[in-house]
Amino acid sequence: MASSYIQIGYGQVALATLFILINMGLSFGLRLGLEQSLGLAAFRMVGQLLLVGYILQWVFTLSNPVLVILLALGMTAIAGVSSVNRTRRRFASIYWNNFISLLSSSFLVTGIVVSGILRVQPWYEPQYLIPLLGMVLGNALTGTSLSLDRFMEDLTSRREEIEALLALGASRWEAAHQPIREALRIGMIPTINSMMVMGLVSLPGMMTGQILAGANPTDAIRYQIVIIFAQAAGVAIATMGVVILAFLVLFNRDHQLADLLRKLD
């Protein structure tokens, strides 16, 4: 198979904006009111991707471990903020909890893939480290936001039931066990659903990109399997971490449900 690929110019990218214009036209015609949101989202996406592209090109050229780690920390911080922004309730340390959960899960999983499975030399090679970290973070972000939102909503809607269990002598873990299980299940559902139909219904973006770039399909598939397993592990660790940290904040050591949640207006 040829190793070359078809390069896309900015003119071709501009032509692809017709797809967004079609969406905006449908929204206008059906009075959905999504034209402004679609336009803003497209504009932000293009700007962010162009900025990231130039930053990555610079980082790839220098291949400096300090810069790579700083970029990775920045990506994790943004993911943590984005995860919290998708939830409807807040508590004092929610941003810090999300950052710690995403940092520990994504760095652990990406480190194992880069150093233990792919055996990249040096380990901080940005060509491998940054894209892999981004894919793990992207999925973990979705999982943590879904889990955390569900956990906080369950604590609010089932508060009387939980407080009754605590009053009857249940420990904080016994009272919160069911909401924790449900939150973790909700956080893992998108990853499981994606894995169930992958290859039959959907072709993953990374695998498609490798094939378009001229890679052998079987090589691309092996890479994709590793990535999907890494993403699943990252989501599981991150969701478990963020829910457990939230549990420790919202239930005090006296086995009481603290009144720390506030709903956004």
Protein backbone atom coordinates (compact mmCIF):
# COMPACT_ATOMS: atom_id res chain seq x y z
CA MET A 1 0.00 0.00 0.00
CA ALA A 2 1.28 3.48 -0.84
CA SER A 3 2.67 5.39 2.13
CA SER A 4 1.70 8.81 0.78
CA TYR A 5 -1.55 10.58 1.54
CA ILE A 6 -3.64 13.32 -0.02
CA GLN A 7 -2.85 16.65 1.59
CA ILE A 8 -5.72 19.03 2.31
CA GLY A 9 -5.31 22.74 1.75
CA TYR A 10 -7.11 25.59 3.49
CA GLY A 11 -9.31 26.03 0.42
CA GLN A 12 -10.59 22.49 0.79
CA VAL A 13 -11.17 23.07 4.49
CA ALA A 14 -13.16 26.20 3.63
CA LEU A 15 -15.23 24.15 1.20
CA ALA A 16 -16.07 21.72 4.00
CA THR A 17 -17.74 24.56 5.90
CA LEU A 18 -20.68 24.00 3.55
CA PHE A 19 -21.66 21.10 5.82
CA ILE A 20 -22.02 23.50 8.76
CA LEU A 21 -23.89 26.00 6.61
CA ILE A 22 -26.33 23.23 5.66
CA ASN A 23 -26.90 22.51 9.37
CA MET A 24 -27.44 26.19 10.08
CA GLY A 25 -29.87 26.42 7.17
CA LEU A 26 -31.87 23.46 8.45
CA SER A 27 -31.94 24.96 11.92
CA PHE A 28 -33.19 28.28 10.52
CA GLY A 29 -35.78 26.63 8.32
CA LEU A 30 -37.12 24.44 11.13
CA ARG A 31 -36.85 27.26 13.68
CA LEU A 32 -34.65 25.23 16.02
CA GLY A 33 -32.70 28.27 17.14
CA LEU A 34 -29.34 26.52 16.85
CA GLU A 35 -27.76 28.70 14.16
CA GLN A 36 -25.77 30.85 16.58
CA SER A 37 -24.63 27.86 18.63
CA LEU A 38 -23.55 25.95 15.52
CA GLY A 39 -21.66 28.93 14.13
CA LEU A 40 -19.94 29.67 17.44
CA ALA A 41 -19.05 26.01 17.99
CA ALA A 42 -17.59 25.71 14.48
CA PHE A 43 -15.63 28.95 14.86
CA ARG A 44 -14.22 27.92 18.24
CA MET A 45 -13.34 24.44 17.00
CA VAL A 46 -11.44 25.76 13.99
CA GLY A 47 -9.60 28.34 16.07
CA GLN A 48 -8.70 25.85 18.78
CA LEU A 49 -7.51 23.21 16.33
CA LEU A 50 -5.38 25.69 14.38
CA LEU A 51 -3.83 26.94 17.62
CA VAL A 52 -3.17 23.41 18.84
CA GLY A 53 -1.71 22.49 15.46
CA TYR A 54 0.87 25.28 15.62
CA ILE A 55 1.67 24.49 19.26
CA LEU A 56 2.12 20.79 18.51
CA GLN A 57 4.30 21.55 15.50
CA TRP A 58 6.52 23.66 17.75
CA VAL A 59 6.58 21.04 20.53
CA PHE A 60 7.28 18.23 18.06
CA THR A 61 10.23 20.17 16.67
CA LEU A 62 11.78 20.82 20.09
CA SER A 63 10.85 17.43 21.61
CA ASN A 64 11.59 18.80 25.09
CA PRO A 65 10.26 16.70 28.02
CA VAL A 66 9.46 19.79 30.13
CA LEU A 67 7.38 21.34 27.35
CA VAL A 68 5.63 18.05 26.68
CA ILE A 69 4.70 17.65 30.37
CA LEU A 70 3.52 21.27 30.59
CA LEU A 71 1.34 20.77 27.52
CA ALA A 72 -0.04 17.54 29.00
CA LEU A 73 -0.85 19.30 32.27
CA GLY A 74 -2.56 22.09 30.37
CA MET A 75 -4.67 19.59 28.44
CA THR A 76 -5.64 17.88 31.70
CA ALA A 77 -6.59 21.16 33.37
CA ILE A 78 -8.81 22.14 30.44
CA ALA A 79 -10.42 18.69 30.48
CA GLY A 80 -11.10 19.02 34.21
CA VAL A 81 -12.80 22.40 33.80
CA SER A 82 -14.82 21.18 30.82
CA SER A 83 -15.96 18.12 32.75
CA VAL A 84 -17.26 20.22 35.65
CA ASN A 85 -18.92 22.73 33.33
CA ARG A 86 -21.17 19.95 32.01
CA THR A 87 -22.62 19.22 35.46
CA ARG A 88 -25.65 20.97 36.94
CA ARG A 89 -24.46 21.10 40.54
CA ARG A 90 -21.29 22.18 42.31
CA PHE A 91 -19.42 21.80 45.58
CA ALA A 92 -16.32 23.57 46.84
CA SER A 93 -13.53 21.24 45.65
CA ILE A 94 -15.22 19.89 42.53
CA TYR A 95 -12.70 21.37 40.07
CA TRP A 96 -9.72 20.10 42.03
CA ASN A 97 -11.29 16.64 42.39
CA ASN A 98 -11.86 16.42 38.64
CA PHE A 99 -8.32 17.53 37.85
CA ILE A 100 -6.79 14.97 40.22
CA SER A 101 -8.95 12.15 38.87
CA LEU A 102 -8.25 12.97 35.23
CA LEU A 103 -4.55 13.54 35.89
CA SER A 104 -4.00 10.25 37.70
CA SER A 105 -6.03 8.14 35.28
CA SER A 106 -4.81 9.65 32.01
CA PHE A 107 -1.13 9.85 32.98
CA LEU A 108 -1.15 6.31 34.38
CA VAL A 109 -2.85 4.74 31.36
CA THR A 110 -0.92 6.78 28.79
CA GLY A 111 2.35 6.04 30.56
CA ILE A 112 1.68 2.29 30.46
CA VAL A 113 0.79 2.44 26.76
CA VAL A 114 3.77 4.57 25.76
CA SER A 115 6.42 2.90 27.92
CA GLY A 116 5.09 -0.60 28.47
CA ILE A 117 3.17 -1.49 25.29
CA LEU A 118 4.49 0.67 22.45
CA ARG A 119 7.90 1.09 24.13
CA VAL A 120 8.45 4.53 22.65
CA GLN A 121 11.99 5.89 22.92
CA PRO A 122 12.28 8.41 24.44
CA TRP A 123 9.10 8.10 26.50
CA TYR A 124 8.26 11.80 26.05
CA GLU A 125 8.19 11.58 22.24
CA PRO A 126 5.32 14.05 21.58
CA GLN A 127 4.27 12.33 18.35
CA TYR A 128 2.96 9.46 20.46
CA LEU A 129 2.45 10.88 23.94
CA ILE A 130 0.27 13.90 23.15
CA PRO A 131 -2.24 12.24 20.77
CA LEU A 132 -2.60 9.21 23.03
CA LEU A 133 -3.10 11.39 26.09
CA GLY A 134 -5.67 13.48 24.23
CA MET A 135 -7.72 10.42 23.26
CA VAL A 136 -7.68 9.04 26.81
CA LEU A 137 -8.55 12.45 28.28
CA GLY A 138 -11.40 13.03 25.83
CA ASN A 139 -13.18 9.85 26.83
CA ALA A 140 -12.41 10.24 30.53
CA LEU A 141 -13.84 13.77 30.42
CA THR A 142 -17.19 12.45 29.20
CA GLY A 143 -17.23 9.65 31.75
CA THR A 144 -16.43 11.87 34.73
CA SER A 145 -18.99 14.52 33.80
CA LEU A 146 -21.77 11.92 33.37
CA SER A 147 -20.87 10.07 36.58
CA LEU A 148 -20.47 13.14 38.71
CA ASP A 149 -23.67 14.73 37.45
CA ARG A 150 -25.65 11.55 38.07
CA PHE A 151 -24.15 11.08 41.54
CA MET A 152 -24.99 14.61 42.67
CA GLU A 153 -28.50 14.47 41.21
CA ASP A 154 -29.14 11.13 42.96
CA LEU A 155 -27.94 12.51 46.28
CA THR A 156 -30.33 15.43 45.87
CA SER A 157 -33.39 13.46 44.75
CA ARG A 158 -32.84 10.63 47.25
CA ARG A 159 -31.67 12.77 50.16
CA GLU A 160 -34.49 11.76 52.51
CA GLU A 161 -33.94 8.07 51.80
CA ILE A 162 -30.19 8.38 52.36
CA GLU A 163 -30.60 10.35 55.58
CA ALA A 164 -33.10 7.78 56.83
CA LEU A 165 -30.57 5.00 56.24
CA LEU A 166 -27.91 6.98 58.08
CA ALA A 167 -30.32 7.63 60.98
CA LEU A 168 -31.01 3.89 61.23
CA GLY A 169 -27.30 3.21 61.70
CA ALA A 170 -26.05 2.66 58.16
CA SER A 171 -22.52 3.82 57.43
CA ARG A 172 -21.97 6.53 54.83
CA TRP A 173 -20.74 3.90 52.38
CA GLU A 174 -23.80 1.72 52.91
CA ALA A 175 -26.13 4.69 52.41
CA ALA A 176 -24.35 5.92 49.27
CA HIS A 177 -23.47 2.56 47.78
CA GLN A 178 -26.36 2.45 45.30
CA PRO A 179 -25.91 6.03 43.97
CA ILE A 180 -22.17 5.36 43.58
CA ARG A 181 -22.79 2.17 41.60
CA GLU A 182 -25.34 3.88 39.37
CA ALA A 183 -23.03 6.86 38.75
CA LEU A 184 -20.14 4.59 37.74
CA ARG A 185 -22.41 2.59 35.46
CA ILE A 186 -23.66 5.74 33.72
CA GLY A 187 -20.09 6.95 33.22
CA MET A 188 -19.03 3.72 31.54
CA ILE A 189 -22.05 3.29 29.24
CA PRO A 190 -20.78 5.48 26.33
CA THR A 191 -17.46 3.60 26.22
CA ILE A 192 -19.14 0.18 26.34
CA ASN A 193 -21.67 1.15 23.65
CA SER A 194 -18.87 2.41 21.43
CA MET A 195 -16.90 -0.81 21.84
CA MET A 196 -19.95 -2.96 21.07
CA VAL A 197 -20.44 -1.54 17.55
CA MET A 198 -16.87 -0.61 16.66
CA GLY A 199 -15.83 -2.07 13.33
CA LEU A 200 -19.39 -3.05 12.38
CA VAL A 201 -21.16 0.31 12.59
CA SER A 202 -18.40 2.84 13.18
CA LEU A 203 -14.77 3.12 12.14
CA PRO A 204 -12.73 4.93 14.81
CA GLY A 205 -11.17 8.25 13.86
CA MET A 206 -7.60 7.26 14.67
CA MET A 207 -7.76 4.09 12.62
CA THR A 208 -9.36 5.94 9.71
CA GLY A 209 -6.70 8.62 9.89
CA GLN A 210 -3.90 6.07 9.82
CA ILE A 211 -5.43 4.30 6.83
CA LEU A 212 -5.87 7.59 4.97
CA ALA A 213 -2.23 8.38 5.73
CA GLY A 214 -1.18 5.13 4.04
CA ALA A 215 -0.79 2.76 6.99
CA ASN A 216 -1.54 -0.92 6.59
CA PRO A 217 -5.15 -1.56 7.79
CA THR A 218 -4.08 -4.43 10.05
CA ASP A 219 -1.47 -2.20 11.70
CA ALA A 220 -4.08 0.51 12.17
CA ILE A 221 -6.48 -2.00 13.71
CA ARG A 222 -3.89 -3.21 16.22
CA TYR A 223 -3.19 0.38 17.24
CA GLN A 224 -6.91 1.02 17.59
CA ILE A 225 -7.46 -2.00 19.82
CA VAL A 226 -4.71 -0.80 22.16
CA ILE A 227 -6.19 2.71 22.21
CA ILE A 228 -9.74 1.55 22.91
CA PHE A 229 -8.62 -0.66 25.80
CA ALA A 230 -6.58 2.26 27.16
CA GLN A 231 -9.56 4.59 26.85
CA ALA A 232 -11.80 2.13 28.67
CA ALA A 233 -9.28 1.84 31.51
CA GLY A 234 -8.87 5.62 31.67
CA VAL A 235 -12.63 6.15 31.89
CA ALA A 236 -13.02 3.51 34.61
CA ILE A 237 -10.21 4.90 36.77
CA ALA A 238 -11.24 8.53 36.29
CA THR A 239 -14.94 7.99 37.00
CA MET A 240 -14.20 5.89 40.05
CA GLY A 241 -11.77 8.49 41.33
CA VAL A 242 -14.05 11.49 40.84
CA VAL A 243 -17.10 9.79 42.38
CA ILE A 244 -15.17 8.50 45.40
CA LEU A 245 -13.62 11.94 45.99
CA ALA A 246 -17.07 13.53 45.73
CA PHE A 247 -18.39 10.92 48.17
CA LEU A 248 -15.66 11.76 50.70
CA VAL A 249 -16.47 15.47 50.42
CA LEU A 250 -20.26 15.20 50.56
CA PHE A 251 -20.37 12.61 53.39
CA ASN A 252 -18.42 13.57 56.51
CA ARG A 253 -16.65 11.22 58.91
CA ASP A 254 -19.62 11.30 61.26
CA HIS A 255 -21.61 9.50 58.54
CA GLN A 256 -23.73 12.51 57.70
CA LEU A 257 -24.70 13.88 54.30
CA ALA A 258 -23.33 17.41 54.24
CA ASP A 259 -25.39 20.20 52.72
CA LEU A 260 -22.69 21.33 50.30
CA LEU A 261 -24.35 20.97 46.90
CA ARG A 262 -25.61 24.02 45.06
CA LYS A 263 -27.48 24.06 41.79
CA LEU A 264 -26.54 26.40 38.98
CA ASP A 265 -29.14 28.99 38.06
